Amino acid sequence: MNDVKTEGLSFRQSVNHMVDRALTALGIDPGLARAIKTCNSVLQVSFPVRIRGKIEVFKGWRAVHSIHRLPAKGGIRYDLKVCQDEVEALASLMTYKCAIVDVPFGGSKGGLHIDPRQYDRDELELITRRFARELARRGFLSPATNVPAPDLGTGQREMAWILDTYKTLHPEDINYVACVTGKPVAQGGIKGRVEATGRGVQLGLREFFRYPEDVKAAGLDGGLADKRIVVQGLGNVGYHAAKFLQEEDGARIVAIIERDGALVDDNGLSVEQVRQYMNETGGLKGFPGATFVEDGAAVLEKACDILLPAALEGVIHTGNAARIQAKVVAEAANGPVTYEADEILRSRGIVIIPDAYLNAGGVVVSYFEWIRNIHHMRFGRMERRFDEVRGQHVVSALEMMTGEKAPDWMRGELVRGADESDLVYSGLDDTMRLALQDIRAVRGIADGRHDYRTAAYMVAVQKIARSYADLGVSV
C-alpha cells in the first residue's frame, strides 16, 4: 500500500495516534478501540478510458471507515497524491467529524489518482462517469449507503455527472438525487453548500473568540477584528474562510500562500482581489502592492495571531513546527498538522483548533442537502409566507400600541420570511456553536486537562462507542 508519509508516520497512522490520546483518556476497552479505528472496507478500482485516441488506465479508491450510521459520507478528490492510505485517513476523519457535529453519517472518502488540469471538460466527464459506474456497481454509491461530495479537484460539475450516472443505472430509485451532495442548485443542490466549509471555519473561530478565557490562554485578547491571519491555500475553503473573516469580522489577512509562492502585506491583503488575480494569471507572482515570497512554505513561520492552513495534509511537520509563530493554528484543511508536529506545537503552548471540528461545515450543509433531497422539498416552502404574515401582525401591533409608524428597515426585517439560505446559515451556525461547547465541556476549561483536538476526539469516540453499545457491542 502506498502510504502518505508524515515524517515517521503515514497520514492514517498520524490520525490514529491522535485518536489514541482520546481513547486512553476515556479508558476505552482495547478491543472496542480497535473496532472504532479500523476501516470497515476499501474498494480499489482500475478502469480504462479512451482519451485522445489512446487507452489510459485510471486507479481510484473508495474507503468506508464506519457504518455505525448510514449512509457513509465523504468527498471524492482528484489528485496525483491520492492513494489508499490517504483515502483511509480521510474516511476516518469523516467518521469523527460527523460525530463531533452530530451529523448522523458514517465516514467515507474517495479519490482518483489523476491530475484534472491535464484533461478537458469532455474527457473529465468520461472519466468521472466511468468511475461513478465502478462505484455504483459495487455498492459504493447510493443515497442509502454511500454518498460522495466534492473535495480537492472536484466540484458541482463532477457531482452532477455522478448523479446522472447513478440515475441512469438506478431509474427506480426515487431518492436518486440524494446519491451525492454538493450538486448544482438546479440539480437538487442547496444554497450555501459551495462556501459551507469556509463559512464553518469562520463560525468556529467566532465561537472560539466568544470565550475570553480561551482567547487569553492563547495569548490573545478581544475578538476577530484586526487579528493578523496567514492563509495557506486560496482554494474553495481558504478563499471563503479568509473572505468572510476579512469582510464580516474585520480580520487582517497579512499573508496568502499558494503553490507558486506567497504574498505578504502587514497592512492587509484584499482576498477578493488576490483571488481574481489568481484566476486571471494562475498564480500570485506579480500581484501589485504586496511583497512576493517565492518560498511560500517559509511564510508559514511568519508571526501572526492565527495561522489558517487550508490546503493539503502535513504542511506543518517536525521540520517547521518549532518555528511556527502563530498564537492559534486553525485547521481549515484535513490533517495539515502531523502527529509529531502536533506534539511540538502543544508543548510550546500554541492552541490548535482541530480539523475534525473546524472544517466540518461542508458535511453539515451536505447533511442539510441530503435531508432536503430525501424529503423532496426545499426548506422554508411551507412556512415562509406564514412567517411573513405573522411578522406583519407583529409590526401592526407595535404601530397600534405606540401610535407611530415602524421604520422601513424594522418592517423589512420583521416581515421577511426566512429563505433556504437563511435556514442553512442558521443551522450551520447553531451546529458549530454547540459542537465547540461540547468540546469545551469535555476539555475541562477550568484546569485545561485536554487540548482541543483530544477533547474533540473524546466527544466523537464517546458517541461512536455509544452507538456500538446500542448495536450490541459491549463498551
Foldseek 3Di string as FASTA:
>chain_A
DDFCDQDPDGLLVQLLVLLVLLCVVVVPDPVVSCLLSAWPDKDKDWDWDQDPNRIDIKIKMKTFRDVLFPAAEEAEAEEQPDDPNVQSSQQSLSQLLCLLLVNRHHGMYMYINHDVVVDDPVVVLRVLLVVLVVCVVVVQFDLTHHEYEHDHHDAQVSVVSSLVSQCVVCVPPLLSLLRYERHPVVSLYFPPLQLQLLLLLQLLQQLQLVDQLSQVLLVHGDHQAQFEEEEEDCDSNRLSNVQCSCPPVNYADQKYADDQFMWGDSRHDNSVLQVVVCVVPVDRPPDPPTDTGRPRLVCQLPAGAEYEYQDEANSQHPVCLLRRRYSEYEYSHAHNYGSRSVVSNVVVSRAYQDNSQRSSRNVQSSSVSSVCSVVVHAPPPPCFQVQLVVLVVVQVVVCVVVVDHDDPVSSCVSNGGDHRVNVSSVSSSVSSNVSVVQLCVQCPSVVRNDGSSSSSSSSSSVSSVVSVVVVPDPD
